[in-house]
């Protein structure tokens, strides 16, 4: 079992869950940063769902790779 890839898979899993659960807060934080940099506000809450799903898929792939090596 490869422990480094196991740790990486857990990090991606946590990141994926955080982006899905706290997508509204992440969007508000991004918009506040964009306002301070004088850019337009954008509402992209669905993008955080897709990003979270991508992180979870990467996590599953790394977990399977860690178990078989």
Protein backbone atom coordinates (compact mmCIF):
# COMPACT_ATOMS: atom_id res chain seq x y z
CA UNK A 1 0.00 0.00 0.00
CA UNK A 2 1.36 3.38 -1.02
CA UNK A 3 0.80 5.71 1.92
CA UNK A 4 1.65 8.94 0.08
CA UNK A 5 -1.04 8.40 -2.52
CA UNK A 6 -3.45 7.42 0.24
CA UNK A 7 -2.79 10.74 1.96
CA UNK A 8 -3.21 12.58 -1.35
CA UNK A 9 -6.51 10.84 -1.97
CA UNK A 10 -7.80 11.93 1.45
CA UNK A 11 -6.72 15.53 0.76
CA UNK A 12 -8.60 15.53 -2.56
CA UNK A 13 -11.64 13.96 -0.89
CA UNK A 14 -11.74 16.65 1.79
CA UNK A 15 -11.24 19.39 -0.81
CA UNK A 16 -14.05 17.98 -2.94
CA UNK A 17 -16.45 17.78 -0.02
CA UNK A 18 -15.60 21.31 1.11
CA UNK A 19 -16.16 22.76 -2.35
CA UNK A 20 -19.54 21.04 -2.62
CA UNK A 21 -20.76 21.81 0.90
CA UNK A 22 -19.52 25.42 1.14
CA UNK A 23 -20.02 26.51 -2.48
CA UNK A 24 -22.02 29.62 -1.55
CA UNK A 25 -19.38 30.84 0.89
CA UNK A 26 -16.60 30.15 -1.62
CA UNK A 27 -18.50 32.10 -4.27
CA UNK A 28 -18.99 35.03 -1.90
CA UNK A 29 -15.30 34.97 -0.97
CA UNK A 30 -14.30 34.96 -4.65
CA UNK A 31 -16.64 37.84 -5.40
CA UNK A 32 -15.25 39.88 -2.51
CA UNK A 33 -11.70 39.35 -3.77
CA UNK A 34 -12.78 40.30 -7.31
CA UNK A 35 -14.42 43.48 -6.02
CA UNK A 36 -11.24 44.50 -4.24
CA UNK A 37 -9.32 43.96 -7.49
CA UNK A 38 -11.98 46.00 -9.39
CA UNK A 39 -13.37 43.14 -11.49
CA UNK A 40 -16.99 42.19 -12.11
CA UNK A 41 -18.89 39.92 -9.75
CA UNK A 42 -19.82 36.52 -11.10
CA UNK A 43 -22.15 33.91 -9.69
CA UNK A 44 -20.66 30.53 -10.47
CA UNK A 45 -22.06 28.25 -7.77
CA UNK A 46 -22.58 25.36 -10.21
CA UNK A 47 -18.91 25.45 -11.14
CA UNK A 48 -18.04 24.57 -7.55
CA UNK A 49 -20.21 21.46 -7.75
CA UNK A 50 -18.37 20.31 -10.88
CA UNK A 51 -15.01 21.11 -9.29
CA UNK A 52 -15.94 19.13 -6.18
CA UNK A 53 -17.02 16.14 -8.25
CA UNK A 54 -13.73 16.31 -10.14
CA UNK A 55 -11.78 16.34 -6.87
CA UNK A 56 -13.74 13.33 -5.60
CA UNK A 57 -13.07 11.41 -8.84
CA UNK A 58 -9.35 12.17 -8.53
CA UNK A 59 -9.53 11.01 -4.92
CA UNK A 60 -11.10 7.69 -5.91
CA UNK A 61 -8.48 7.11 -8.60
CA UNK A 62 -5.62 7.85 -6.19
CA UNK A 63 -7.17 5.61 -3.53
CA UNK A 64 -7.46 2.67 -5.93
CA UNK A 65 -3.90 3.25 -7.11
CA UNK A 66 -2.67 3.39 -3.51
CA UNK A 67 -4.38 0.13 -2.58
CA UNK A 68 -3.05 -1.84 -5.56
CA UNK A 69 0.57 -0.64 -5.21
